[in-house]
Amino acid sequence: MKRLLLTAAILLTACSNGSSETIETVEVESQPVATTQAVEAPMMLADAIAHPRRADDAARDRFRNPQATLDFFDIAPGQTVAEIWPGWYTQILAPYLADNDGTYVAVLFPDGVSDRIDDRNAAFKEKFSEEAGYGTLGYGSFSKDTGLSLADNSVDTILTFRNVHNWMSGGYAEDAFAEFARALKPGGMLGIVEHRLPETQTQDPSGSTGYVQESYMKALAAEAGLEFVESSEVNANSLDTADHPMGVWTLPPRSRTPDEGSAEANGFDAELYLNIGESDRATLKFRKPAE
């Protein structure tokens, strides 16, 4: 700490015959000069959504509505958020949570299932590395044979996008919901987006068309001990009738076409399905009861 010499002049005035002046030198300690440093504001979801690294993904935002969907699922700073079989939303959630004292947990297929799965997992980890600007991700695994690797009561939110029909097809949808309920903290949320089958149509228990009724998903959640909170129409598409020749995969982004010479190929109009756009989707939120 520097010291400054402050010279103070004290004027002593005589009552009657003039004045005298005494100069007194006082040593005082200087105070540090306050400096203003710019503090970078934490990342908002809108910042993560608008980031240039999402240039290839952003074309689907009009169908997937990431801002409104994640707002509906109450994604917020400081949370531990696990996504089951992730990908498209990782571009948003991983950097956002890393910058807001949270943790993004990517729940992949377990290694060792096949060379294809191992290669895909390795590519995912390379793409979404800290060096690439995504922060430090947590990792877990989930499959029919291994279950969910996350610890009991360990995550605030579990998200899954268009996967329920896969678990139905594999015959383990009930087990999947039970595993999610186990891993959620008391009061934690399960957020689901899934291709929606109208209640007036017949639900195939194997999910062969890719479409699932809201009532079916609510029943699965209730069986696992999860409470239904609310639904949102943010991902609805009234043009989708859910009765296409190749199921939901007839629509974008897959845009599957029938084999030449097949019954489905007769009169098939690919442009019709492109004009429908992506599927009508249920967006559902469930809560694990607080203890």
C-alpha atoms as a PDB file:
ATOM      1  CA  MET A   1       0.000   0.000   0.000  1.00  0.00           C
ATOM      2  CA  LYS A   2       1.465   3.383  -1.012  1.00  0.00           C
ATOM      3  CA  ARG A   3       1.506   6.173   1.487  1.00  0.00           C
ATOM      4  CA  LEU A   4       0.967   9.834   0.682  1.00  0.00           C
ATOM      5  CA  LEU A   5       2.120  12.868   2.646  1.00  0.00           C
ATOM      6  CA  LEU A   6      -0.729  15.217   3.181  1.00  0.00           C
ATOM      7  CA  THR A   7       0.276  18.730   4.185  1.00  0.00           C
ATOM      8  CA  ALA A   8      -2.365  20.398   6.261  1.00  0.00           C
ATOM      9  CA  ALA A   9      -2.180  24.044   7.056  1.00  0.00           C
ATOM     10  CA  ILE A  10      -3.742  24.937  10.346  1.00  0.00           C
ATOM     11  CA  LEU A  11      -4.276  28.572  10.842  1.00  0.00           C
ATOM     12  CA  LEU A  12      -4.141  29.720  14.428  1.00  0.00           C
ATOM     13  CA  THR A  13      -5.512  33.176  14.875  1.00  0.00           C
ATOM     14  CA  ALA A  14      -4.511  35.288  17.882  1.00  0.00           C
ATOM     15  CA  CYS A  15      -7.219  37.073  19.719  1.00  0.00           C
ATOM     16  CA  SER A  16      -5.707  40.518  19.470  1.00  0.00           C
ATOM     17  CA  ASN A  17      -2.277  41.139  17.966  1.00  0.00           C
ATOM     18  CA  GLY A  18      -1.955  39.286  14.653  1.00  0.00           C
ATOM     19  CA  SER A  19      -1.768  35.685  13.689  1.00  0.00           C
ATOM     20  CA  SER A  20       0.626  32.827  13.537  1.00  0.00           C
ATOM     21  CA  GLU A  21       0.577  29.822  11.192  1.00  0.00           C
ATOM     22  CA  THR A  22       1.634  26.318  12.077  1.00  0.00           C
ATOM     23  CA  ILE A  23       2.224  23.861   9.243  1.00  0.00           C
ATOM     24  CA  GLU A  24       1.570  20.296  10.306  1.00  0.00           C
ATOM     25  CA  THR A  25       2.510  17.303   8.166  1.00  0.00           C
ATOM     26  CA  VAL A  26       0.221  14.289   8.520  1.00  0.00           C
ATOM     27  CA  GLU A  27       0.940  10.849   7.032  1.00  0.00           C
ATOM     28  CA  VAL A  28      -2.198   9.053   5.785  1.00  0.00           C
ATOM     29  CA  GLU A  29      -2.797   5.735   4.072  1.00  0.00           C
ATOM     30  CA  SER A  30      -4.218   5.857   0.524  1.00  0.00           C
ATOM     31  CA  GLN A  31      -7.240   3.745  -0.393  1.00  0.00           C
ATOM     32  CA  PRO A  32      -7.246   1.399  -3.399  1.00  0.00           C
ATOM     33  CA  VAL A  33      -8.952   2.786  -6.452  1.00  0.00           C
ATOM     34  CA  ALA A  34     -12.077   0.787  -7.324  1.00  0.00           C
ATOM     35  CA  THR A  35     -12.112  -0.605 -10.829  1.00  0.00           C
ATOM     36  CA  THR A  36     -15.141  -1.768 -12.764  1.00  0.00           C
ATOM     37  CA  GLN A  37     -14.744  -5.075 -14.560  1.00  0.00           C
ATOM     38  CA  ALA A  38     -17.199  -6.254 -17.160  1.00  0.00           C
ATOM     39  CA  VAL A  39     -19.035  -9.387 -16.019  1.00  0.00           C
ATOM     40  CA  GLU A  40     -20.190 -11.640 -18.823  1.00  0.00           C
ATOM     41  CA  ALA A  41     -23.878 -12.460 -18.541  1.00  0.00           C
ATOM     42  CA  PRO A  42     -24.755 -16.169 -18.292  1.00  0.00           C
ATOM     43  CA  MET A  43     -25.988 -17.865 -21.435  1.00  0.00           C
ATOM     44  CA  MET A  44     -29.713 -17.832 -22.038  1.00  0.00           C
ATOM     45  CA  LEU A  45     -31.555 -20.643 -23.810  1.00  0.00           C
ATOM     46  CA  ALA A  46     -32.182 -18.228 -26.673  1.00  0.00           C
ATOM     47  CA  ASP A  47     -28.424 -17.678 -26.975  1.00  0.00           C
ATOM     48  CA  ALA A  48     -27.762 -21.418 -27.213  1.00  0.00           C
ATOM     49  CA  ILE A  49     -30.548 -21.837 -29.777  1.00  0.00           C
ATOM     50  CA  ALA A  50     -29.234 -18.968 -31.920  1.00  0.00           C
ATOM     51  CA  HIS A  51     -25.582 -20.087 -31.825  1.00  0.00           C
ATOM     52  CA  PRO A  52     -23.959 -20.514 -35.279  1.00  0.00           C
ATOM     53  CA  ARG A  53     -22.928 -24.089 -34.457  1.00  0.00           C
ATOM     54  CA  ARG A  54     -26.631 -24.990 -34.814  1.00  0.00           C
ATOM     55  CA  ALA A  55     -26.814 -23.786 -38.413  1.00  0.00           C
ATOM     56  CA  ASP A  56     -27.540 -27.274 -39.746  1.00  0.00           C
ATOM     57  CA  ASP A  57     -30.093 -28.048 -37.013  1.00  0.00           C
ATOM     58  CA  ALA A  58     -31.945 -24.751 -37.085  1.00  0.00           C
ATOM     59  CA  ALA A  59     -33.983 -25.658 -40.167  1.00  0.00           C
ATOM     60  CA  ARG A  60     -36.053 -27.983 -37.960  1.00  0.00           C
ATOM     61  CA  ASP A  61     -36.734 -25.395 -35.258  1.00  0.00           C
ATOM     62  CA  ARG A  62     -40.105 -24.541 -36.783  1.00  0.00           C
ATOM     63  CA  PHE A  63     -41.233 -28.122 -36.212  1.00  0.00           C
ATOM     64  CA  ARG A  64     -39.398 -28.862 -32.964  1.00  0.00           C
ATOM     65  CA  ASN A  65     -39.883 -25.468 -31.246  1.00  0.00           C
ATOM     66  CA  PRO A  66     -36.901 -25.756 -28.891  1.00  0.00           C
ATOM     67  CA  GLN A  67     -37.413 -22.550 -26.919  1.00  0.00           C
ATOM     68  CA  ALA A  68     -41.073 -23.157 -26.140  1.00  0.00           C
ATOM     69  CA  THR A  69     -40.492 -26.874 -25.511  1.00  0.00           C
ATOM     70  CA  LEU A  70     -37.653 -26.382 -23.026  1.00  0.00           C
ATOM     71  CA  ASP A  71     -39.509 -23.545 -21.319  1.00  0.00           C
ATOM     72  CA  PHE A  72     -42.478 -25.865 -20.898  1.00  0.00           C
ATOM     73  CA  PHE A  73     -40.193 -28.470 -19.332  1.00  0.00           C
ATOM     74  CA  ASP A  74     -38.957 -25.818 -16.848  1.00  0.00           C
ATOM     75  CA  ILE A  75     -35.295 -26.115 -17.830  1.00  0.00           C
ATOM     76  CA  ALA A  76     -33.387 -23.673 -15.632  1.00  0.00           C
ATOM     77  CA  PRO A  77     -29.865 -22.868 -14.329  1.00  0.00           C
ATOM     78  CA  GLY A  78     -28.280 -25.227 -11.831  1.00  0.00           C
ATOM     79  CA  GLN A  79     -30.222 -28.324 -12.868  1.00  0.00           C
ATOM     80  CA  THR A  80     -28.940 -31.776 -13.654  1.00  0.00           C
ATOM     81  CA  VAL A  81     -30.741 -32.720 -16.868  1.00  0.00           C
ATOM     82  CA  ALA A  82     -30.464 -36.179 -18.440  1.00  0.00           C
ATOM     83  CA  GLU A  83     -31.518 -36.787 -22.030  1.00  0.00           C
ATOM     84  CA  ILE A  84     -32.270 -40.350 -23.115  1.00  0.00           C
ATOM     85  CA  TRP A  85     -30.596 -41.246 -26.426  1.00  0.00           C
ATOM     86  CA  PRO A  86     -29.602 -37.658 -27.200  1.00  0.00           C
ATOM     87  CA  GLY A  87     -28.472 -35.740 -30.253  1.00  0.00           C
ATOM     88  CA  TRP A  88     -30.379 -32.786 -31.669  1.00  0.00           C
ATOM     89  CA  TYR A  89     -31.092 -31.125 -28.311  1.00  0.00           C
ATOM     90  CA  THR A  90     -27.520 -31.645 -27.059  1.00  0.00           C
ATOM     91  CA  GLN A  91     -26.450 -28.644 -29.145  1.00  0.00           C
ATOM     92  CA  ILE A  92     -28.701 -26.488 -26.958  1.00  0.00           C
ATOM     93  CA  LEU A  93     -28.764 -28.101 -23.544  1.00  0.00           C
ATOM     94  CA  ALA A  94     -25.085 -28.961 -23.058  1.00  0.00           C
ATOM     95  CA  PRO A  95     -23.629 -25.453 -23.497  1.00  0.00           C
ATOM     96  CA  TYR A  96     -26.563 -23.787 -21.735  1.00  0.00           C
ATOM     97  CA  LEU A  97     -26.264 -25.933 -18.601  1.00  0.00           C
ATOM     98  CA  ALA A  98     -22.463 -25.765 -18.600  1.00  0.00           C
ATOM     99  CA  ASP A  99     -22.659 -21.974 -18.559  1.00  0.00           C
ATOM    100  CA  ASN A 100     -25.333 -21.908 -15.836  1.00  0.00           C
ATOM    101  CA  ASP A 101     -23.879 -24.144 -13.105  1.00  0.00           C
ATOM    102  CA  GLY A 102     -25.841 -27.160 -14.293  1.00  0.00           C
ATOM    103  CA  THR A 103     -24.963 -30.566 -15.712  1.00  0.00           C
ATOM    104  CA  TYR A 104     -26.121 -32.144 -18.946  1.00  0.00           C
ATOM    105  CA  VAL A 105     -26.107 -35.945 -18.834  1.00  0.00           C
ATOM    106  CA  ALA A 106     -26.117 -37.728 -22.185  1.00  0.00           C
ATOM    107  CA  VAL A 107     -27.671 -41.174 -21.745  1.00  0.00           C
ATOM    108  CA  LEU A 108     -26.388 -43.273 -24.647  1.00  0.00           C
ATOM    109  CA  PHE A 109     -26.691 -46.912 -25.590  1.00  0.00           C
ATOM    110  CA  PRO A 110     -24.137 -48.869 -23.550  1.00  0.00           C
ATOM    111  CA  ASP A 111     -20.788 -49.627 -25.135  1.00  0.00           C
ATOM    112  CA  GLY A 112     -20.183 -53.205 -26.187  1.00  0.00           C
ATOM    113  CA  VAL A 113     -23.548 -53.831 -27.822  1.00  0.00           C
ATOM    114  CA  SER A 114     -22.084 -53.648 -31.297  1.00  0.00           C
ATOM    115  CA  ASP A 115     -19.266 -52.000 -33.230  1.00  0.00           C
ATOM    116  CA  ARG A 116     -21.808 -49.617 -34.745  1.00  0.00           C
ATOM    117  CA  ILE A 117     -22.971 -48.453 -31.319  1.00  0.00           C
ATOM    118  CA  ASP A 118     -19.404 -48.111 -30.071  1.00  0.00           C
ATOM    119  CA  ASP A 119     -18.470 -45.986 -33.093  1.00  0.00           C
ATOM    120  CA  ARG A 120     -21.554 -43.833 -32.662  1.00  0.00           C
ATOM    121  CA  ASN A 121     -20.841 -43.264 -28.962  1.00  0.00           C
ATOM    122  CA  ALA A 122     -17.233 -42.347 -29.694  1.00  0.00           C
ATOM    123  CA  ALA A 123     -18.309 -39.895 -32.396  1.00  0.00           C
ATOM    124  CA  PHE A 124     -20.843 -38.316 -30.044  1.00  0.00           C
ATOM    125  CA  LYS A 125     -18.237 -37.788 -27.307  1.00  0.00           C
ATOM    126  CA  GLU A 126     -15.772 -36.327 -29.769  1.00  0.00           C
ATOM    127  CA  LYS A 127     -18.328 -33.923 -31.203  1.00  0.00           C
ATOM    128  CA  PHE A 128     -19.690 -32.727 -27.873  1.00  0.00           C
ATOM    129  CA  SER A 129     -16.387 -32.252 -26.081  1.00  0.00           C
ATOM    130  CA  GLU A 130     -15.357 -29.441 -23.772  1.00  0.00           C
ATOM    131  CA  GLU A 131     -12.806 -28.374 -26.385  1.00  0.00           C
ATOM    132  CA  ALA A 132     -15.667 -27.908 -28.854  1.00  0.00           C
ATOM    133  CA  GLY A 133     -17.408 -25.503 -26.469  1.00  0.00           C
ATOM    134  CA  TYR A 134     -20.001 -27.788 -24.895  1.00  0.00           C
ATOM    135  CA  GLY A 135     -18.606 -27.924 -21.362  1.00  0.00           C
ATOM    136  CA  THR A 136     -18.082 -31.115 -19.412  1.00  0.00           C
ATOM    137  CA  LEU A 137     -20.906 -33.548 -20.091  1.00  0.00           C
ATOM    138  CA  GLY A 138     -22.004 -36.294 -17.767  1.00  0.00           C
ATOM    139  CA  TYR A 139     -22.653 -39.698 -19.292  1.00  0.00           C
ATOM    140  CA  GLY A 140     -24.990 -42.583 -18.601  1.00  0.00           C
ATOM    141  CA  SER A 141     -26.417 -45.504 -20.530  1.00  0.00           C
ATOM    142  CA  PHE A 142     -29.802 -47.074 -21.127  1.00  0.00           C
ATOM    143  CA  SER A 143     -30.985 -50.180 -22.943  1.00  0.00           C
ATOM    144  CA  LYS A 144     -33.468 -52.995 -22.580  1.00  0.00           C
ATOM    145  CA  ASP A 145     -30.845 -55.390 -21.239  1.00  0.00           C
ATOM    146  CA  THR A 146     -28.889 -53.053 -18.942  1.00  0.00           C
ATOM    147  CA  GLY A 147     -31.536 -50.653 -17.701  1.00  0.00           C
ATOM    148  CA  LEU A 148     -30.649 -47.070 -16.782  1.00  0.00           C
ATOM    149  CA  SER A 149     -27.197 -46.509 -15.298  1.00  0.00           C
ATOM    150  CA  LEU A 150     -28.117 -43.344 -13.366  1.00  0.00           C
ATOM    151  CA  ALA A 151     -28.181 -43.499  -9.574  1.00  0.00           C
ATOM    152  CA  ASP A 152     -31.411 -43.328  -7.593  1.00  0.00           C
ATOM    153  CA  ASN A 153     -32.766 -39.811  -6.928  1.00  0.00           C
ATOM    154  CA  SER A 154     -29.892 -38.217  -8.862  1.00  0.00           C
ATOM    155  CA  VAL A 155     -31.345 -35.957 -11.570  1.00  0.00           C
ATOM    156  CA  ASP A 156     -33.722 -33.003 -11.630  1.00  0.00           C
ATOM    157  CA  THR A 157     -35.129 -33.624 -15.096  1.00  0.00           C
ATOM    158  CA  ILE A 158     -35.188 -36.463 -17.614  1.00  0.00           C
ATOM    159  CA  LEU A 159     -36.049 -35.609 -21.213  1.00  0.00           C
ATOM    160  CA  THR A 160     -36.808 -37.919 -24.095  1.00  0.00           C
ATOM    161  CA  PHE A 161     -37.803 -37.017 -27.633  1.00  0.00           C
ATOM    162  CA  ARG A 162     -39.707 -39.434 -29.892  1.00  0.00           C
ATOM    163  CA  ASN A 163     -38.557 -42.631 -28.189  1.00  0.00           C
ATOM    164  CA  VAL A 164     -41.591 -44.166 -26.455  1.00  0.00           C
ATOM    165  CA  HIS A 165     -42.565 -46.149 -29.567  1.00  0.00           C
ATOM    166  CA  ASN A 166     -39.065 -47.690 -29.607  1.00  0.00           C
ATOM    167  CA  TRP A 167     -39.477 -49.003 -26.055  1.00  0.00           C
ATOM    168  CA  MET A 168     -42.928 -50.323 -26.942  1.00  0.00           C
ATOM    169  CA  SER A 169     -41.454 -52.088 -29.952  1.00  0.00           C
ATOM    170  CA  GLY A 170     -38.808 -53.663 -27.726  1.00  0.00           C
ATOM    171  CA  GLY A 171     -41.353 -54.676 -25.101  1.00  0.00           C
ATOM    172  CA  TYR A 172     -39.833 -52.653 -22.273  1.00  0.00           C
ATOM    173  CA  ALA A 173     -41.807 -49.405 -22.126  1.00  0.00           C
ATOM    174  CA  GLU A 174     -43.039 -50.181 -18.590  1.00  0.00           C
ATOM    175  CA  ASP A 175     -39.476 -50.857 -17.441  1.00  0.00           C
ATOM    176  CA  ALA A 176     -38.249 -47.642 -19.052  1.00  0.00           C
ATOM    177  CA  PHE A 177     -40.727 -45.462 -17.173  1.00  0.00           C
ATOM    178  CA  ALA A 178     -39.960 -47.270 -13.911  1.00  0.00           C
ATOM    179  CA  GLU A 179     -36.245 -46.646 -14.401  1.00  0.00           C
ATOM    180  CA  PHE A 180     -36.811 -42.954 -15.075  1.00  0.00           C
ATOM    181  CA  ALA A 181     -38.928 -42.628 -11.946  1.00  0.00           C
ATOM    182  CA  ARG A 182     -36.191 -44.286  -9.905  1.00  0.00           C
ATOM    183  CA  ALA A 183     -33.471 -41.910 -11.126  1.00  0.00           C
ATOM    184  CA  LEU A 184     -35.455 -38.694 -10.662  1.00  0.00           C
ATOM    185  CA  LYS A 185     -35.075 -36.705  -7.489  1.00  0.00           C
ATOM    186  CA  PRO A 186     -38.268 -36.304  -5.461  1.00  0.00           C
ATOM    187  CA  GLY A 187     -40.143 -33.507  -7.211  1.00  0.00           C
ATOM    188  CA  GLY A 188     -38.133 -34.089 -10.386  1.00  0.00           C
ATOM    189  CA  MET A 189     -39.671 -33.901 -13.863  1.00  0.00           C
ATOM    190  CA  LEU A 190     -39.980 -36.293 -16.795  1.00  0.00           C
ATOM    191  CA  GLY A 191     -40.531 -34.496 -20.104  1.00  0.00           C
ATOM    192  CA  ILE A 192     -41.717 -36.434 -23.145  1.00  0.00           C
ATOM    193  CA  VAL A 193     -42.233 -35.442 -26.764  1.00  0.00           C
ATOM    194  CA  GLU A 194     -43.716 -38.235 -28.903  1.00  0.00           C
ATOM    195  CA  HIS A 195     -45.528 -38.687 -32.212  1.00  0.00           C
ATOM    196  CA  ARG A 196     -49.196 -38.531 -31.242  1.00  0.00           C
ATOM    197  CA  LEU A 197     -51.809 -41.088 -32.222  1.00  0.00           C
ATOM    198  CA  PRO A 198     -55.391 -39.768 -32.038  1.00  0.00           C
ATOM    199  CA  GLU A 199     -57.463 -41.419 -29.332  1.00  0.00           C
ATOM    200  CA  THR A 200     -59.983 -42.393 -32.032  1.00  0.00           C
ATOM    201  CA  GLN A 201     -57.462 -44.707 -33.676  1.00  0.00           C
ATOM    202  CA  THR A 202     -56.372 -48.098 -32.376  1.00  0.00           C
ATOM    203  CA  GLN A 203     -53.108 -48.192 -30.460  1.00  0.00           C
ATOM    204  CA  ASP A 204     -50.705 -50.900 -31.571  1.00  0.00           C
ATOM    205  CA  PRO A 205     -48.973 -52.039 -28.340  1.00  0.00           C
ATOM    206  CA  SER A 206     -45.769 -52.547 -30.319  1.00  0.00           C
ATOM    207  CA  GLY A 207     -45.756 -48.932 -31.563  1.00  0.00           C
ATOM    208  CA  SER A 208     -45.221 -50.162 -35.117  1.00  0.00           C
ATOM    209  CA  THR A 209     -46.369 -46.905 -36.754  1.00  0.00           C
ATOM    210  CA  GLY A 210     -44.272 -44.696 -34.482  1.00  0.00           C
ATOM    211  CA  TYR A 211     -47.414 -43.028 -33.092  1.00  0.00           C
ATOM    212  CA  VAL A 212     -48.496 -43.303 -29.447  1.00  0.00           C
ATOM    213  CA  GLN A 213     -51.672 -42.144 -27.725  1.00  0.00           C
ATOM    214  CA  GLU A 214     -51.353 -39.619 -24.905  1.00  0.00           C
ATOM    215  CA  SER A 215     -53.552 -41.820 -22.739  1.00  0.00           C
ATOM    216  CA  TYR A 216     -51.154 -44.740 -23.220  1.00  0.00           C
ATOM    217  CA  MET A 217     -48.151 -42.664 -22.103  1.00  0.00           C
ATOM    218  CA  LYS A 218     -50.055 -41.300 -19.129  1.00  0.00           C
ATOM    219  CA  ALA A 219     -50.909 -44.853 -18.102  1.00  0.00           C
ATOM    220  CA  LEU A 220     -47.247 -45.897 -18.346  1.00  0.00           C
ATOM    221  CA  ALA A 221     -46.200 -42.949 -16.203  1.00  0.00           C
ATOM    222  CA  ALA A 222     -48.908 -43.559 -13.602  1.00  0.00           C
ATOM    223  CA  GLU A 223     -47.886 -47.216 -13.337  1.00  0.00           C
ATOM    224  CA  ALA A 224     -44.339 -46.031 -12.578  1.00  0.00           C
ATOM    225  CA  GLY A 225     -45.604 -43.738  -9.820  1.00  0.00           C
ATOM    226  CA  LEU A 226     -45.282 -40.476 -11.734  1.00  0.00           C
ATOM    227  CA  GLU A 227     -47.914 -37.748 -11.567  1.00  0.00           C
ATOM    228  CA  PHE A 228     -49.189 -36.105 -14.747  1.00  0.00           C
ATOM    229  CA  VAL A 229     -48.591 -32.339 -14.555  1.00  0.00           C
ATOM    230  CA  GLU A 230     -49.767 -30.907 -17.873  1.00  0.00           C
ATOM    231  CA  SER A 231     -49.553 -31.135 -21.641  1.00  0.00           C
ATOM    232  CA  SER A 232     -48.681 -28.572 -24.274  1.00  0.00           C
ATOM    233  CA  GLU A 233     -49.711 -28.125 -27.906  1.00  0.00           C
ATOM    234  CA  VAL A 234     -46.434 -26.405 -28.790  1.00  0.00           C
ATOM    235  CA  ASN A 235     -45.432 -29.320 -31.058  1.00  0.00           C
ATOM    236  CA  ALA A 236     -48.862 -29.987 -32.551  1.00  0.00           C
ATOM    237  CA  ASN A 237     -49.424 -30.300 -36.299  1.00  0.00           C
ATOM    238  CA  SER A 238     -53.070 -30.409 -37.306  1.00  0.00           C
ATOM    239  CA  LEU A 239     -52.166 -31.524 -40.855  1.00  0.00           C
ATOM    240  CA  ASP A 240     -50.871 -34.873 -39.631  1.00  0.00           C
ATOM    241  CA  THR A 241     -53.529 -37.605 -39.715  1.00  0.00           C
ATOM    242  CA  ALA A 242     -51.169 -40.279 -38.317  1.00  0.00           C
ATOM    243  CA  ASP A 243     -52.290 -42.905 -40.848  1.00  0.00           C
ATOM    244  CA  HIS A 244     -49.519 -42.929 -43.443  1.00  0.00           C
ATOM    245  CA  PRO A 245     -48.352 -45.945 -45.479  1.00  0.00           C
ATOM    246  CA  MET A 246     -44.907 -46.135 -43.828  1.00  0.00           C
ATOM    247  CA  GLY A 247     -46.070 -44.829 -40.498  1.00  0.00           C
ATOM    248  CA  VAL A 248     -44.550 -41.648 -39.105  1.00  0.00           C
ATOM    249  CA  TRP A 249     -41.444 -42.271 -41.213  1.00  0.00           C
ATOM    250  CA  THR A 250     -43.438 -41.321 -44.307  1.00  0.00           C
ATOM    251  CA  LEU A 251     -43.145 -37.713 -43.121  1.00  0.00           C
ATOM    252  CA  PRO A 252     -40.048 -35.509 -42.912  1.00  0.00           C
ATOM    253  CA  PRO A 253     -37.318 -35.680 -41.851  1.00  0.00           C
ATOM    254  CA  ARG A 254     -37.165 -39.359 -42.849  1.00  0.00           C
ATOM    255  CA  SER A 255     -39.520 -39.046 -45.846  1.00  0.00           C
ATOM    256  CA  ARG A 256     -39.488 -42.768 -46.499  1.00  0.00           C
ATOM    257  CA  THR A 257     -40.947 -43.899 -49.837  1.00  0.00           C
ATOM    258  CA  PRO A 258     -42.485 -47.295 -50.672  1.00  0.00           C
ATOM    259  CA  ASP A 259     -40.641 -49.980 -52.552  1.00  0.00           C
ATOM    260  CA  GLU A 260     -41.219 -49.881 -56.267  1.00  0.00           C
ATOM    261  CA  GLY A 261     -44.021 -52.226 -57.259  1.00  0.00           C
ATOM    262  CA  SER A 262     -45.432 -52.501 -53.730  1.00  0.00           C
ATOM    263  CA  ALA A 263     -49.066 -51.894 -52.883  1.00  0.00           C
ATOM    264  CA  GLU A 264     -48.093 -48.680 -51.073  1.00  0.00           C
ATOM    265  CA  ALA A 265     -46.367 -47.361 -54.180  1.00  0.00           C
ATOM    266  CA  ASN A 266     -49.650 -47.248 -56.117  1.00  0.00           C
ATOM    267  CA  GLY A 267     -50.666 -43.595 -56.202  1.00  0.00           C
ATOM    268  CA  PHE A 268     -48.046 -42.563 -53.640  1.00  0.00           C
ATOM    269  CA  ASP A 269     -47.469 -38.784 -53.696  1.00  0.00           C
ATOM    270  CA  ALA A 270     -44.257 -37.814 -51.894  1.00  0.00           C
ATOM    271  CA  GLU A 271     -45.054 -34.116 -52.242  1.00  0.00           C
ATOM    272  CA  LEU A 272     -48.226 -34.576 -50.199  1.00  0.00           C
ATOM    273  CA  TYR A 273     -46.243 -35.781 -47.192  1.00  0.00           C
ATOM    274  CA  LEU A 274     -43.611 -33.095 -47.562  1.00  0.00           C
ATOM    275  CA  ASN A 275     -46.382 -30.518 -47.383  1.00  0.00           C
ATOM    276  CA  ILE A 276     -47.679 -32.016 -44.128  1.00  0.00           C
ATOM    277  CA  GLY A 277     -44.324 -31.384 -42.497  1.00  0.00           C
ATOM    278  CA  GLU A 278     -43.100 -33.197 -39.407  1.00  0.00           C
ATOM    279  CA  SER A 279     -45.439 -35.210 -37.204  1.00  0.00           C
ATOM    280  CA  ASP A 280     -48.101 -34.069 -34.779  1.00  0.00           C
ATOM    281  CA  ARG A 281     -46.495 -34.517 -31.368  1.00  0.00           C
ATOM    282  CA  ALA A 282     -47.667 -34.815 -27.807  1.00  0.00           C
ATOM    283  CA  THR A 283     -45.633 -32.819 -25.296  1.00  0.00           C
ATOM    284  CA  LEU A 284     -46.168 -34.144 -21.768  1.00  0.00           C
ATOM    285  CA  LYS A 285     -44.755 -33.333 -18.341  1.00  0.00           C
ATOM    286  CA  PHE A 286     -44.767 -35.688 -15.333  1.00  0.00           C
ATOM    287  CA  ARG A 287     -43.515 -35.239 -11.774  1.00  0.00           C
ATOM    288  CA  LYS A 288     -42.046 -37.674  -9.273  1.00  0.00           C
ATOM    289  CA  PRO A 289     -43.910 -37.091  -5.993  1.00  0.00           C
ATOM    290  CA  ALA A 290     -41.945 -35.321  -3.297  1.00  0.00           C
ATOM    291  CA  GLU A 291     -41.087 -37.515  -0.355  1.00  0.00           C
END
